[in-house]
Amino acid sequence: MPKVTFLPMNLTYEAQDGESILDVAINNDVPLQHACGGFCACTTCHVIVKEGDKFLSEREDEEDERLDRATGVTLKSRLGCQAKVHGGDVVVEIQNEGHH
């Protein structure tokens, strides 16, 4: 089963195939914000993929448009609600830790 590691807390949890990074965070009480409820309508679940980006679903246009408005975006940025895990381990860094 694939695993998702959340930095900077260095917490690792198993993910169901096809589950989003946000789903894994919510199911394990990881503090990943999701103001819009996971509908790609905000950027509070912004993460930076450190490892395993090839195991995540492709970025859709809607996610790209949303990330254009986020702060601190890199080429490895994803929205946790849109990035679905498929077949391998992923390491992500949460960008808004501490903003509850």
Protein backbone atom coordinates (compact mmCIF):
# COMPACT_ATOMS: atom_id res chain seq x y z
CA MET A 1 0.00 0.00 0.00
CA PRO A 2 1.42 3.44 -0.87
CA LYS A 3 2.46 5.75 1.93
CA VAL A 4 2.33 9.53 2.22
CA THR A 5 4.87 11.33 4.40
CA PHE A 6 4.02 14.83 5.59
CA LEU A 7 6.85 17.28 6.31
CA PRO A 8 7.92 19.16 8.37
CA MET A 9 6.21 16.91 10.97
CA ASN A 10 7.72 13.77 9.37
CA LEU A 11 4.50 11.75 9.80
CA THR A 12 3.90 8.80 7.47
CA TYR A 13 0.53 7.18 6.79
CA GLU A 14 -0.78 4.54 4.42
CA ALA A 15 -2.94 5.71 1.52
CA GLN A 16 -5.57 3.84 -0.44
CA ASP A 17 -4.86 3.83 -4.18
CA GLY A 18 -6.70 6.82 -5.65
CA GLU A 19 -6.99 8.66 -2.34
CA SER A 20 -5.99 12.33 -2.37
CA ILE A 21 -3.23 13.74 -0.20
CA LEU A 22 -5.91 15.76 1.59
CA ASP A 23 -7.95 12.59 2.28
CA VAL A 24 -4.91 10.95 3.86
CA ALA A 25 -4.28 14.08 5.96
CA ILE A 26 -7.90 14.30 7.17
CA ASN A 27 -8.10 10.58 7.97
CA ASN A 28 -4.98 10.84 10.13
CA ASP A 29 -5.53 14.25 11.78
CA VAL A 30 -2.63 15.86 9.91
CA PRO A 31 -3.07 19.67 10.05
CA LEU A 32 -3.50 20.31 6.33
CA GLN A 33 -5.93 23.19 5.81
CA HIS A 34 -8.86 22.81 3.42
CA ALA A 35 -11.00 25.93 3.66
CA CYS A 36 -13.12 25.05 0.61
CA GLY A 37 -13.73 21.46 1.72
CA GLY A 38 -11.51 19.91 -0.96
CA PHE A 39 -13.25 21.26 -4.06
CA CYS A 40 -10.29 23.01 -5.73
CA ALA A 41 -11.78 26.40 -4.82
CA CYS A 42 -8.92 27.72 -2.68
CA THR A 43 -5.20 27.07 -2.07
CA THR A 44 -5.11 26.29 1.65
CA CYS A 45 -4.14 22.63 1.00
CA HIS A 46 -1.05 23.66 -1.02
CA VAL A 47 1.79 21.16 -0.62
CA ILE A 48 5.19 20.81 -2.27
CA VAL A 49 6.00 17.32 -3.51
CA LYS A 50 9.49 16.36 -2.34
CA GLU A 51 9.46 12.76 -3.61
CA GLY A 52 7.19 10.53 -5.64
CA ASP A 53 5.50 13.07 -7.92
CA LYS A 54 5.32 10.31 -10.56
CA PHE A 55 2.91 8.49 -8.23
CA LEU A 56 0.42 11.37 -8.21
CA SER A 57 -2.42 12.07 -10.63
CA GLU A 58 -1.73 14.64 -13.36
CA ARG A 59 -2.43 18.30 -12.67
CA GLU A 60 -5.67 19.44 -14.30
CA ASP A 61 -6.23 22.94 -15.72
CA GLU A 62 -8.42 23.91 -12.77
CA GLU A 63 -5.65 23.04 -10.32
CA ASP A 64 -3.09 24.96 -12.39
CA GLU A 65 -5.32 28.05 -12.38
CA ARG A 66 -5.75 27.82 -8.62
CA LEU A 67 -2.00 27.40 -8.02
CA ASP A 68 -1.34 30.48 -10.14
CA ARG A 69 -2.90 32.46 -7.29
CA ALA A 70 -1.11 30.69 -4.42
CA THR A 71 1.97 32.03 -2.66
CA GLY A 72 5.27 30.15 -2.61
CA VAL A 73 4.38 28.00 -5.61
CA THR A 74 7.12 25.84 -7.15
CA LEU A 75 7.21 23.42 -10.06
CA LYS A 76 6.50 20.69 -7.49
CA SER A 77 3.46 22.43 -5.98
CA ARG A 78 0.15 20.56 -5.78
CA LEU A 79 -3.20 21.07 -4.15
CA GLY A 80 -3.65 18.27 -1.64
CA CYS A 81 -7.31 17.86 -2.58
CA GLN A 82 -6.48 17.25 -6.25
CA ALA A 83 -3.30 15.15 -6.04
CA LYS A 84 -4.37 11.50 -5.91
CA VAL A 85 -1.89 8.79 -4.90
CA HIS A 86 -1.38 5.93 -7.36
CA GLY A 87 0.96 3.04 -6.73
CA GLY A 88 3.88 4.45 -4.82
CA ASP A 89 5.14 6.42 -1.85
CA VAL A 90 4.96 10.20 -1.81
CA VAL A 91 6.64 12.82 0.41
CA VAL A 92 5.02 16.24 0.64
CA GLU A 93 5.80 19.40 2.58
CA ILE A 94 2.84 21.32 3.97
CA GLN A 95 3.07 25.01 3.14
CA ASN A 96 0.67 26.50 5.65
CA GLU A 97 1.49 24.68 8.84
CA GLY A 98 0.48 26.58 11.96
CA HIS A 99 -2.33 28.58 10.31
CA HIS A 100 -5.40 27.01 11.90
